C-alpha atoms as a PDB file:
ATOM      1  CA  MET A   1       2.042  -1.645  25.428  1.00  0.00           C
ATOM      2  CA  LYS A   2      -0.083  -1.309  22.305  1.00  0.00           C
ATOM      3  CA  LYS A   3       2.223   1.371  20.902  1.00  0.00           C
ATOM      4  CA  ILE A   4       5.242  -0.908  21.381  1.00  0.00           C
ATOM      5  CA  GLY A   5       3.398  -3.751  19.658  1.00  0.00           C
ATOM      6  CA  ARG A   6       2.483  -1.512  16.733  1.00  0.00           C
ATOM      7  CA  ILE A   7       6.188  -0.878  16.198  1.00  0.00           C
ATOM      8  CA  LEU A   8       7.595  -4.331  16.963  1.00  0.00           C
ATOM      9  CA  VAL A   9       5.105  -6.432  14.983  1.00  0.00           C
ATOM     10  CA  PRO A  10       5.707  -4.785  11.581  1.00  0.00           C
ATOM     11  CA  LEU A  11       9.448  -4.447  12.277  1.00  0.00           C
ATOM     12  CA  VAL A  12       9.850  -8.131  13.149  1.00  0.00           C
ATOM     13  CA  SER A  13       7.668  -9.104  10.173  1.00  0.00           C
ATOM     14  CA  VAL A  14       9.852  -7.108   7.774  1.00  0.00           C
ATOM     15  CA  LEU A  15      13.013  -8.654   9.254  1.00  0.00           C
ATOM     16  CA  LEU A  16      11.554 -12.160   8.861  1.00  0.00           C
ATOM     17  CA  ILE A  17      10.704 -11.497   5.204  1.00  0.00           C
ATOM     18  CA  VAL A  18      14.174 -10.097   4.514  1.00  0.00           C
ATOM     19  CA  GLY A  19      15.795 -12.969   6.423  1.00  0.00           C
ATOM     20  CA  LEU A  20      13.839 -15.618   4.493  1.00  0.00           C
ATOM     21  CA  ASP A  21      14.681 -13.955   1.176  1.00  0.00           C
ATOM     22  CA  GLN A  22      18.401 -13.681   1.964  1.00  0.00           C
ATOM     23  CA  LEU A  23      18.554 -17.259   3.298  1.00  0.00           C
ATOM     24  CA  VAL A  24      17.055 -18.676   0.101  1.00  0.00           C
ATOM     25  CA  LYS A  25      19.476 -16.589  -1.975  1.00  0.00           C
ATOM     26  CA  TYR A  26      22.420 -17.793   0.108  1.00  0.00           C
ATOM     27  CA  LEU A  27      21.436 -21.453  -0.355  1.00  0.00           C
ATOM     28  CA  THR A  28      20.951 -20.844  -4.070  1.00  0.00           C
ATOM     29  CA  ILE A  29      24.478 -19.476  -4.417  1.00  0.00           C
ATOM     30  CA  GLN A  30      25.934 -22.322  -2.355  1.00  0.00           C
ATOM     31  CA  TYR A  31      24.268 -25.200  -4.191  1.00  0.00           C
ATOM     32  CA  LEU A  32      23.143 -23.966  -7.624  1.00  0.00           C
ATOM     33  CA  SER A  33      25.761 -21.449  -8.768  1.00  0.00           C
ATOM     34  CA  ASP A  34      27.535 -24.192 -10.737  1.00  0.00           C
ATOM     35  CA  GLY A  35      24.633 -24.310 -13.198  1.00  0.00           C
ATOM     36  CA  ARG A  36      22.670 -27.187 -11.696  1.00  0.00           C
ATOM     37  CA  GLU A  37      18.870 -27.224 -11.603  1.00  0.00           C
ATOM     38  CA  VAL A  38      16.649 -28.750  -8.942  1.00  0.00           C
ATOM     39  CA  LYS A  39      13.312 -30.050 -10.197  1.00  0.00           C
ATOM     40  CA  ILE A  40      10.343 -29.228  -7.946  1.00  0.00           C
ATOM     41  CA  LEU A  41       7.453 -30.239 -10.202  1.00  0.00           C
ATOM     42  CA  GLY A  42       9.231 -32.153 -12.906  1.00  0.00           C
ATOM     43  CA  ASP A  43      10.230 -29.841 -15.752  1.00  0.00           C
ATOM     44  CA  ALA A  44       7.347 -27.472 -14.967  1.00  0.00           C
ATOM     45  CA  LEU A  45       8.933 -25.783 -11.932  1.00  0.00           C
ATOM     46  CA  VAL A  46      12.657 -25.807 -11.212  1.00  0.00           C
ATOM     47  CA  LEU A  47      15.168 -24.010  -9.009  1.00  0.00           C
ATOM     48  CA  THR A  48      18.158 -22.497 -10.770  1.00  0.00           C
ATOM     49  CA  TYR A  49      20.666 -19.679 -10.342  1.00  0.00           C
ATOM     50  CA  VAL A  50      20.394 -16.371 -12.215  1.00  0.00           C
ATOM     51  CA  GLN A  51      22.071 -13.010 -11.685  1.00  0.00           C
ATOM     52  CA  ASN A  52      19.460 -10.343 -12.358  1.00  0.00           C
ATOM     53  CA  ARG A  53      20.775  -6.812 -12.933  1.00  0.00           C
ATOM     54  CA  GLY A  54      17.321  -5.391 -13.579  1.00  0.00           C
ATOM     55  CA  MET A  55      14.072  -5.240 -11.625  1.00  0.00           C
ATOM     56  CA  ALA A  56      11.528  -7.940 -10.817  1.00  0.00           C
ATOM     57  CA  TRP A  57      10.956 -10.565 -13.520  1.00  0.00           C
ATOM     58  CA  GLY A  58      14.232  -9.540 -15.214  1.00  0.00           C
ATOM     59  CA  LEU A  59      12.923  -6.252 -16.632  1.00  0.00           C
ATOM     60  CA  PHE A  60      15.024  -3.095 -17.229  1.00  0.00           C
ATOM     61  CA  GLN A  61      18.463  -4.670 -17.133  1.00  0.00           C
ATOM     62  CA  ASN A  62      21.554  -2.719 -15.952  1.00  0.00           C
ATOM     63  CA  GLY A  63      19.551  -0.032 -14.157  1.00  0.00           C
ATOM     64  CA  GLN A  64      20.888  -0.759 -10.677  1.00  0.00           C
ATOM     65  CA  VAL A  65      21.680   2.842  -9.759  1.00  0.00           C
ATOM     66  CA  VAL A  66      18.157   3.978 -10.661  1.00  0.00           C
ATOM     67  CA  PHE A  67      16.640   1.213  -8.537  1.00  0.00           C
ATOM     68  CA  VAL A  68      18.963   1.978  -5.613  1.00  0.00           C
ATOM     69  CA  ILE A  69      17.729   5.589  -5.687  1.00  0.00           C
ATOM     70  CA  LEU A  70      14.015   4.927  -6.259  1.00  0.00           C
ATOM     71  CA  THR A  71      13.578   1.948  -3.931  1.00  0.00           C
ATOM     72  CA  PRO A  72      14.292   3.810  -0.653  1.00  0.00           C
ATOM     73  CA  ILE A  73      11.890   6.557  -1.756  1.00  0.00           C
ATOM     74  CA  ALA A  74       9.171   3.976  -2.408  1.00  0.00           C
ATOM     75  CA  ILE A  75       9.869   2.256   0.926  1.00  0.00           C
ATOM     76  CA  ALA A  76       9.658   5.566   2.795  1.00  0.00           C
ATOM     77  CA  ALA A  77       6.318   6.342   1.106  1.00  0.00           C
ATOM     78  CA  VAL A  78       4.868   2.952   2.087  1.00  0.00           C
ATOM     79  CA  ILE A  79       6.088   3.357   5.683  1.00  0.00           C
ATOM     80  CA  PHE A  80       4.419   6.789   5.805  1.00  0.00           C
ATOM     81  CA  LEU A  81       1.135   5.273   4.614  1.00  0.00           C
ATOM     82  CA  TYR A  82       1.468   2.450   7.148  1.00  0.00           C
ATOM     83  CA  VAL A  83       1.900   4.899  10.030  1.00  0.00           C
ATOM     84  CA  ARG A  84      -1.115   6.945   8.915  1.00  0.00           C
ATOM     85  CA  THR A  85      -3.372   3.956   8.223  1.00  0.00           C
ATOM     86  CA  PRO A  86      -6.034   3.498  10.963  1.00  0.00           C
ATOM     87  CA  TRP A  87      -5.599   0.569  13.352  1.00  0.00           C
ATOM     88  CA  GLU A  88      -9.181  -0.695  13.100  1.00  0.00           C
ATOM     89  CA  ILE A  89      -9.434  -4.375  12.191  1.00  0.00           C
ATOM     90  CA  GLU A  90     -10.909  -3.664   8.746  1.00  0.00           C
ATOM     91  CA  TYR A  91      -7.614  -2.026   7.750  1.00  0.00           C
ATOM     92  CA  ARG A  92      -5.475  -4.983   8.818  1.00  0.00           C
ATOM     93  CA  PRO A  93      -5.277  -6.482   5.287  1.00  0.00           C
ATOM     94  CA  ILE A  94      -3.782  -3.339   3.791  1.00  0.00           C
ATOM     95  CA  ARG A  95      -1.323  -3.003   6.688  1.00  0.00           C
ATOM     96  CA  ILE A  96      -0.178  -6.584   6.065  1.00  0.00           C
ATOM     97  CA  ALA A  97       0.249  -5.793   2.365  1.00  0.00           C
ATOM     98  CA  GLU A  98       2.312  -2.708   3.210  1.00  0.00           C
ATOM     99  CA  VAL A  99       4.613  -4.751   5.475  1.00  0.00           C
ATOM    100  CA  MET A 100       5.060  -7.387   2.754  1.00  0.00           C
ATOM    101  CA  LEU A 101       5.898  -4.698   0.210  1.00  0.00           C
ATOM    102  CA  VAL A 102       8.553  -3.113   2.432  1.00  0.00           C
ATOM    103  CA  GLY A 103      10.106  -6.497   3.266  1.00  0.00           C
ATOM    104  CA  GLY A 104      10.290  -7.594  -0.362  1.00  0.00           C
ATOM    105  CA  ALA A 105      11.679  -4.268  -1.555  1.00  0.00           C
ATOM    106  CA  LEU A 106      14.365  -4.298   1.167  1.00  0.00           C
ATOM    107  CA  GLY A 107      15.389  -7.846   0.264  1.00  0.00           C
ATOM    108  CA  ASN A 108      16.195  -6.888  -3.320  1.00  0.00           C
ATOM    109  CA  LEU A 109      17.683  -3.526  -2.322  1.00  0.00           C
ATOM    110  CA  ILE A 110      20.281  -5.298  -0.161  1.00  0.00           C
ATOM    111  CA  ASP A 111      21.340  -7.321  -3.197  1.00  0.00           C
ATOM    112  CA  ARG A 112      21.655  -4.283  -5.446  1.00  0.00           C
ATOM    113  CA  ILE A 113      23.831  -2.456  -2.939  1.00  0.00           C
ATOM    114  CA  PHE A 114      26.097  -5.194  -1.554  1.00  0.00           C
ATOM    115  CA  ARG A 115      25.979  -8.241  -3.866  1.00  0.00           C
ATOM    116  CA  TYR A 116      28.386  -7.432  -6.667  1.00  0.00           C
ATOM    117  CA  ASP A 117      31.248  -9.161  -8.434  1.00  0.00           C
ATOM    118  CA  PRO A 118      34.484  -7.985  -6.742  1.00  0.00           C
ATOM    119  CA  VAL A 119      36.355  -8.303 -10.046  1.00  0.00           C
ATOM    120  CA  ASP A 120      34.275  -6.156 -12.388  1.00  0.00           C
ATOM    121  CA  GLY A 121      31.537  -4.799 -10.069  1.00  0.00           C
ATOM    122  CA  SER A 122      31.229  -2.062  -7.470  1.00  0.00           C
ATOM    123  CA  LEU A 123      29.065  -0.963  -4.562  1.00  0.00           C
ATOM    124  CA  PHE A 124      25.487   0.042  -5.583  1.00  0.00           C
ATOM    125  CA  HIS A 125      25.942  -1.824  -8.889  1.00  0.00           C
ATOM    126  CA  GLY A 126      25.070  -5.270  -7.582  1.00  0.00           C
ATOM    127  CA  TYR A 127      22.841  -7.985  -8.953  1.00  0.00           C
ATOM    128  CA  VAL A 128      19.762  -9.688  -7.523  1.00  0.00           C
ATOM    129  CA  VAL A 129      19.833 -13.460  -7.122  1.00  0.00           C
ATOM    130  CA  ASP A 130      16.831 -15.154  -8.738  1.00  0.00           C
ATOM    131  CA  MET A 131      16.111 -18.861  -8.532  1.00  0.00           C
ATOM    132  CA  ILE A 132      12.430 -19.775  -9.114  1.00  0.00           C
ATOM    133  CA  TYR A 133      11.790 -20.705 -12.736  1.00  0.00           C
ATOM    134  CA  ILE A 134       8.389 -21.766 -14.103  1.00  0.00           C
ATOM    135  CA  LYS A 135       9.958 -23.637 -16.985  1.00  0.00           C
ATOM    136  CA  ALA A 136       6.689 -24.929 -18.412  1.00  0.00           C
ATOM    137  CA  ILE A 137       5.718 -21.433 -19.651  1.00  0.00           C
ATOM    138  CA  HIS A 138       9.247 -19.939 -19.719  1.00  0.00           C
ATOM    139  CA  PHE A 139       8.247 -17.333 -17.146  1.00  0.00           C
ATOM    140  CA  PRO A 140      11.072 -14.949 -16.115  1.00  0.00           C
ATOM    141  CA  VAL A 141      13.083 -16.263 -13.170  1.00  0.00           C
ATOM    142  CA  PHE A 142      12.180 -14.589  -9.869  1.00  0.00           C
ATOM    143  CA  ASN A 143      12.915 -14.831  -6.143  1.00  0.00           C
ATOM    144  CA  VAL A 144      11.168 -14.767  -2.753  1.00  0.00           C
ATOM    145  CA  ALA A 145      11.317 -10.960  -2.480  1.00  0.00           C
ATOM    146  CA  ASP A 146       9.620 -10.626  -5.880  1.00  0.00           C
ATOM    147  CA  ILE A 147       6.757 -12.808  -4.631  1.00  0.00           C
ATOM    148  CA  PHE A 148       6.159 -10.575  -1.602  1.00  0.00           C
ATOM    149  CA  VAL A 149       6.366  -7.375  -3.682  1.00  0.00           C
ATOM    150  CA  THR A 150       3.993  -8.632  -6.366  1.00  0.00           C
ATOM    151  CA  LEU A 151       1.403 -10.167  -4.023  1.00  0.00           C
ATOM    152  CA  SER A 152       1.359  -7.098  -1.769  1.00  0.00           C
ATOM    153  CA  PHE A 153       0.992  -4.689  -4.690  1.00  0.00           C
ATOM    154  CA  VAL A 154      -1.879  -6.686  -6.216  1.00  0.00           C
ATOM    155  CA  ALA A 155      -3.575  -6.994  -2.811  1.00  0.00           C
ATOM    156  CA  MET A 156      -3.333  -3.238  -2.183  1.00  0.00           C
ATOM    157  CA  MET A 157      -4.814  -2.414  -5.586  1.00  0.00           C
ATOM    158  CA  LEU A 158      -7.713  -4.843  -5.099  1.00  0.00           C
ATOM    159  CA  LEU A 159      -8.436  -3.531  -1.600  1.00  0.00           C
ATOM    160  CA  LEU A 160      -8.362   0.130  -2.607  1.00  0.00           C
ATOM    161  CA  LEU A 161     -10.386  -0.356  -5.791  1.00  0.00           C
ATOM    162  CA  PHE A 162     -12.988  -2.948  -4.804  1.00  0.00           C
ATOM    163  CA  VAL A 163     -13.151  -3.343  -1.015  1.00  0.00           C
ATOM    164  CA  TYR A 164     -12.838   0.063   0.653  1.00  0.00           C
ATOM    165  CA  ASN A 165     -15.398   2.801   0.003  1.00  0.00           C
ATOM    166  CA  ASP A 166     -14.463   6.455  -0.543  1.00  0.00           C
ATOM    167  CA  GLU A 167     -14.301   7.296   3.154  1.00  0.00           C
ATOM    168  CA  GLU A 168     -12.185   4.232   3.975  1.00  0.00           C
ATOM    169  CA  PHE A 169      -9.997   4.948   0.940  1.00  0.00           C
ATOM    170  CA  ASN A 170      -9.267   8.440   2.247  1.00  0.00           C
ATOM    171  CA  LYS A 171      -8.414   7.063   5.684  1.00  0.00           C
ATOM    172  CA  CYS A 172      -5.916   4.675   4.107  1.00  0.00           C
ATOM    173  CA  PHE A 173      -4.053   7.670   2.740  1.00  0.00           C
ATOM    174  CA  GLY A 174      -3.589   9.472   6.008  1.00  0.00           C
ATOM    175  CA  ASN A 175      -6.972  10.464   7.465  1.00  0.00           C
ATOM    176  CA  PHE A 176      -6.266  14.033   6.355  1.00  0.00           C
ATOM    177  CA  PRO A 177      -8.430  16.876   7.797  1.00  0.00           C
ATOM    178  CA  GLN A 178     -11.303  18.394   5.849  1.00  0.00           C
ATOM    179  CA  LYS A 179     -10.758  21.527   3.861  1.00  0.00           C
ATOM    180  CA  LYS A 180     -11.762  24.767   5.581  1.00  0.00           C
ATOM    181  CA  LYS A 181     -13.299  27.859   4.078  1.00  0.00           C
ATOM    182  CA  VAL A 182     -12.722  31.435   5.192  1.00  0.00           C
ATOM    183  CA  THR A 183     -15.775  33.517   6.119  1.00  0.00           C
ATOM    184  CA  GLU A 184     -16.189  37.278   5.575  1.00  0.00           C
ATOM    185  CA  GLY A 185     -14.993  37.964   9.130  1.00  0.00           C
ATOM    186  CA  GLY A 186     -11.748  36.104   8.437  1.00  0.00           C
ATOM    187  CA  GLU A 187     -12.678  33.086  10.566  1.00  0.00           C
ATOM    188  CA  GLU A 188     -12.236  29.548   9.281  1.00  0.00           C
ATOM    189  CA  GLU A 189     -15.148  27.164   9.171  1.00  0.00           C
ATOM    190  CA  ALA A 190     -15.160  23.476   8.313  1.00  0.00           C
ATOM    191  CA  GLY A 191     -16.921  22.681   5.051  1.00  0.00           C
ATOM    192  CA  GLU A 192     -20.501  21.477   5.446  1.00  0.00           C
ATOM    193  CA  SER A 193     -22.153  18.826   3.405  1.00  0.00           C
ATOM    194  CA  GLU A 194     -25.080  19.567   1.105  1.00  0.00           C
ATOM    195  CA  ASP A 195     -27.493  17.807   3.426  1.00  0.00           C
ATOM    196  CA  GLU A 196     -26.440  19.952   6.383  1.00  0.00           C
ATOM    197  CA  SER A 197     -26.732  23.171   4.350  1.00  0.00           C
ATOM    198  CA  GLU A 198     -30.291  22.277   3.371  1.00  0.00           C
ATOM    199  CA  GLU A 199     -31.438  21.702   6.941  1.00  0.00           C
ATOM    200  CA  PRO A 200     -31.928  25.426   7.847  1.00  0.00           C
ATOM    201  CA  GLU A 201     -34.236  25.876   4.827  1.00  0.00           C
ATOM    202  CA  LYS A 202     -36.337  22.942   5.951  1.00  0.00           C
ATOM    203  CA  THR A 203     -36.535  24.431   9.462  1.00  0.00           C
ATOM    204  CA  GLU A 204     -37.751  27.796   8.133  1.00  0.00           C
ATOM    205  CA  GLU A 205     -40.481  26.079   6.128  1.00  0.00           C
ATOM    206  CA  SER A 206     -41.545  24.103   9.175  1.00  0.00           C
ATOM    207  CA  GLU A 207     -41.659  27.300  11.249  1.00  0.00           C
ATOM    208  CA  GLU A 208     -43.954  28.970   8.689  1.00  0.00           C
ATOM    209  CA  LEU A 209     -46.538  26.197   8.921  1.00  0.00           C
ATOM    210  CA  PRO A 210     -48.086  27.324  12.248  1.00  0.00           C
ATOM    211  CA  ASP A 211     -48.624  30.877  10.851  1.00  0.00           C
ATOM    212  CA  ASP A 212     -50.514  29.545   7.823  1.00  0.00           C
ATOM    213  CA  THR A 213     -52.621  27.315  10.048  1.00  0.00           C
ATOM    214  CA  ALA A 214     -53.467  30.218  12.346  1.00  0.00           C
ATOM    215  CA  ALA A 215     -54.456  32.388   9.385  1.00  0.00           C
ATOM    216  CA  ASP A 216     -56.802  29.672   8.071  1.00  0.00           C
ATOM    217  CA  GLY A 217     -58.353  29.414  11.524  1.00  0.00           C
ATOM    218  CA  GLN A 218     -59.038  33.195  11.665  1.00  0.00           C
ATOM    219  CA  GLU A 219     -60.779  33.108   8.269  1.00  0.00           C
ATOM    220  CA  ILE A 220     -63.067  30.276   9.479  1.00  0.00           C
ATOM    221  CA  ASN A 221     -63.992  32.277  12.607  1.00  0.00           C
ATOM    222  CA  HIS A 222     -64.888  35.385  10.501  1.00  0.00           C
ATOM    223  CA  GLU A 223     -67.193  33.282   8.304  1.00  0.00           C
ATOM    224  CA  ASN A 224     -68.949  31.806  11.319  1.00  0.00           C
ATOM    225  CA  ASN A 225     -69.517  35.285  12.767  1.00  0.00           C
END
């Protein structure tokens, strides 16, 4: 049952993110494509309609084909990390961030593949619908998928840099096995830490102590005689 839940929960979460993103884009096209603006916070925050042929925040315009190629690769890499990330509760934040990243990336990928102008556009050369405009600071127009991508990326960077230690960081990237070294006989041995390699020396020193004590005791007996 747990295995099924580990598959269904992220899958349903991704579908919900994609569904929310596409629903907002659909409503934007239906009600704002005529150039109207809807004020949310006066003139500070408005909803509008923009066709974005670049990446998030309107960067790198007319690079749809590049994004269509790179986005699935990035999604596959994040899914691989998600599968290899441990299921302990301390890793839940990064798993949530990974799900958000996949959902946001898929939302915009769907636009770039299928949302194109039938007159002068073609498949895989589509545009992304943006609608959220922080007019007060003239911030580039963005959409719901951009929010999920940006928040998840920032969260992952903060977690990996400031929250998880080296051991937890390594587990986040697949819990890969330790390197092995080959002995003279051709057998492989797991690498030992410095502390473990020092332990035999300490044992030899401790074994020598009784001999020194016995020798001191013999000298005292000779003097008494």
